[in-house]
């Protein structure tokens, strides 16, 4: 498992469907509280690489609330792990 610290600007901002509530309080609040904790143990967000011909290096696979919480508090980078699709 390789975790990398990458600029948030390298990740395509994820979008929700228009009929979906964008943020769930029960998911966002724990992320924001974890940022304040000296033992912050949030897992890296999962990303998949995008073709080099597009504006972003990665697409978010898992970590919507961690991504937007990081943007909101002013972080410029985020830990990521590359998602490897299951085979077989």
C-alpha atoms as a PDB file:
ATOM      1  CA  UNK A   1       0.000   0.000   0.000  1.00  0.00           C
ATOM      2  CA  UNK A   2       1.563   3.267  -1.141  1.00  0.00           C
ATOM      3  CA  UNK A   3       0.272   6.539   0.273  1.00  0.00           C
ATOM      4  CA  UNK A   4       1.260   9.746  -1.464  1.00  0.00           C
ATOM      5  CA  UNK A   5       0.659  13.376  -0.491  1.00  0.00           C
ATOM      6  CA  UNK A   6      -0.686  15.222  -3.544  1.00  0.00           C
ATOM      7  CA  UNK A   7      -2.026  18.721  -4.201  1.00  0.00           C
ATOM      8  CA  UNK A   8      -5.800  18.972  -3.954  1.00  0.00           C
ATOM      9  CA  UNK A   9      -5.638  20.771  -7.295  1.00  0.00           C
ATOM     10  CA  UNK A  10      -4.517  17.477  -8.910  1.00  0.00           C
ATOM     11  CA  UNK A  11      -7.833  15.816  -7.998  1.00  0.00           C
ATOM     12  CA  UNK A  12     -10.952  16.401 -10.051  1.00  0.00           C
ATOM     13  CA  UNK A  13     -13.522  17.926  -7.642  1.00  0.00           C
ATOM     14  CA  UNK A  14     -16.169  15.257  -7.146  1.00  0.00           C
ATOM     15  CA  UNK A  15     -19.794  16.054  -7.890  1.00  0.00           C
ATOM     16  CA  UNK A  16     -22.974  14.578  -6.467  1.00  0.00           C
ATOM     17  CA  UNK A  17     -26.143  13.978  -8.445  1.00  0.00           C
ATOM     18  CA  UNK A  18     -28.456  17.001  -8.283  1.00  0.00           C
ATOM     19  CA  UNK A  19     -31.045  15.007  -6.309  1.00  0.00           C
ATOM     20  CA  UNK A  20     -28.489  13.939  -3.660  1.00  0.00           C
ATOM     21  CA  UNK A  21     -27.750  15.985  -0.544  1.00  0.00           C
ATOM     22  CA  UNK A  22     -24.148  17.182  -1.043  1.00  0.00           C
ATOM     23  CA  UNK A  23     -22.913  16.704   2.534  1.00  0.00           C
ATOM     24  CA  UNK A  24     -24.043  14.494   5.360  1.00  0.00           C
ATOM     25  CA  UNK A  25     -23.495  16.075   8.792  1.00  0.00           C
ATOM     26  CA  UNK A  26     -22.832  12.700  10.415  1.00  0.00           C
ATOM     27  CA  UNK A  27     -19.938  12.183   7.965  1.00  0.00           C
ATOM     28  CA  UNK A  28     -18.534  15.720   7.727  1.00  0.00           C
ATOM     29  CA  UNK A  29     -18.356  16.546  11.452  1.00  0.00           C
ATOM     30  CA  UNK A  30     -16.143  13.572  12.405  1.00  0.00           C
ATOM     31  CA  UNK A  31     -13.725  14.510   9.618  1.00  0.00           C
ATOM     32  CA  UNK A  32     -13.481  18.104  10.861  1.00  0.00           C
ATOM     33  CA  UNK A  33     -13.047  16.909  14.468  1.00  0.00           C
ATOM     34  CA  UNK A  34     -10.315  14.493  13.354  1.00  0.00           C
ATOM     35  CA  UNK A  35      -8.396  17.387  11.780  1.00  0.00           C
ATOM     36  CA  UNK A  36      -8.166  18.960  15.256  1.00  0.00           C
ATOM     37  CA  UNK A  37      -7.045  15.770  16.983  1.00  0.00           C
ATOM     38  CA  UNK A  38      -3.337  15.143  17.593  1.00  0.00           C
ATOM     39  CA  UNK A  39      -4.061  11.490  16.762  1.00  0.00           C
ATOM     40  CA  UNK A  40      -5.795  12.280  13.474  1.00  0.00           C
ATOM     41  CA  UNK A  41      -6.050   8.846  11.939  1.00  0.00           C
ATOM     42  CA  UNK A  42      -8.135   9.394   8.849  1.00  0.00           C
ATOM     43  CA  UNK A  43      -7.399   7.001   6.012  1.00  0.00           C
ATOM     44  CA  UNK A  44      -6.099   8.401   2.731  1.00  0.00           C
ATOM     45  CA  UNK A  45      -8.672   9.139   0.059  1.00  0.00           C
ATOM     46  CA  UNK A  46      -8.833   6.650  -2.791  1.00  0.00           C
ATOM     47  CA  UNK A  47      -8.120   7.957  -6.275  1.00  0.00           C
ATOM     48  CA  UNK A  48      -7.774   6.580  -9.767  1.00  0.00           C
ATOM     49  CA  UNK A  49      -5.364   8.042 -12.304  1.00  0.00           C
ATOM     50  CA  UNK A  50      -6.806   9.936 -15.242  1.00  0.00           C
ATOM     51  CA  UNK A  51      -5.351  10.089 -18.751  1.00  0.00           C
ATOM     52  CA  UNK A  52      -2.640  12.708 -19.145  1.00  0.00           C
ATOM     53  CA  UNK A  53      -4.790  14.575 -21.665  1.00  0.00           C
ATOM     54  CA  UNK A  54      -7.236  15.857 -19.017  1.00  0.00           C
ATOM     55  CA  UNK A  55      -6.907  18.763 -16.575  1.00  0.00           C
ATOM     56  CA  UNK A  56      -6.563  16.640 -13.426  1.00  0.00           C
ATOM     57  CA  UNK A  57      -4.226  13.773 -12.520  1.00  0.00           C
ATOM     58  CA  UNK A  58      -6.781  11.875 -10.433  1.00  0.00           C
ATOM     59  CA  UNK A  59     -10.478  11.178  -9.966  1.00  0.00           C
ATOM     60  CA  UNK A  60     -11.772  10.580  -6.454  1.00  0.00           C
ATOM     61  CA  UNK A  61     -13.097   7.065  -5.836  1.00  0.00           C
ATOM     62  CA  UNK A  62     -13.717   7.340  -2.081  1.00  0.00           C
ATOM     63  CA  UNK A  63     -13.314  10.320   0.244  1.00  0.00           C
ATOM     64  CA  UNK A  64     -15.877  12.946  -0.792  1.00  0.00           C
ATOM     65  CA  UNK A  65     -16.219  14.435   2.713  1.00  0.00           C
ATOM     66  CA  UNK A  66     -12.462  14.261   3.442  1.00  0.00           C
ATOM     67  CA  UNK A  67     -11.763  16.031   0.144  1.00  0.00           C
ATOM     68  CA  UNK A  68     -14.208  18.900   0.713  1.00  0.00           C
ATOM     69  CA  UNK A  69     -13.356  19.215   4.418  1.00  0.00           C
ATOM     70  CA  UNK A  70      -9.701  19.635   3.412  1.00  0.00           C
ATOM     71  CA  UNK A  71     -10.627  22.318   0.885  1.00  0.00           C
ATOM     72  CA  UNK A  72     -12.830  24.087   3.443  1.00  0.00           C
ATOM     73  CA  UNK A  73     -10.135  24.335   6.126  1.00  0.00           C
ATOM     74  CA  UNK A  74      -7.537  25.550   3.632  1.00  0.00           C
ATOM     75  CA  UNK A  75      -5.352  22.484   3.191  1.00  0.00           C
ATOM     76  CA  UNK A  76      -3.476  22.425  -0.096  1.00  0.00           C
ATOM     77  CA  UNK A  77      -2.516  18.726  -0.099  1.00  0.00           C
ATOM     78  CA  UNK A  78      -4.156  15.445   0.888  1.00  0.00           C
ATOM     79  CA  UNK A  79      -2.948  11.873   1.444  1.00  0.00           C
ATOM     80  CA  UNK A  80      -4.077   9.571  -1.365  1.00  0.00           C
ATOM     81  CA  UNK A  81      -3.895   5.900  -2.148  1.00  0.00           C
ATOM     82  CA  UNK A  82      -4.334   4.722  -5.701  1.00  0.00           C
ATOM     83  CA  UNK A  83      -7.386   2.525  -6.125  1.00  0.00           C
ATOM     84  CA  UNK A  84      -6.712  -0.750  -7.873  1.00  0.00           C
ATOM     85  CA  UNK A  85      -9.857  -2.277  -9.381  1.00  0.00           C
ATOM     86  CA  UNK A  86     -10.502  -5.917  -8.546  1.00  0.00           C
ATOM     87  CA  UNK A  87      -9.527  -8.407 -11.205  1.00  0.00           C
ATOM     88  CA  UNK A  88     -11.085 -11.666 -12.074  1.00  0.00           C
END
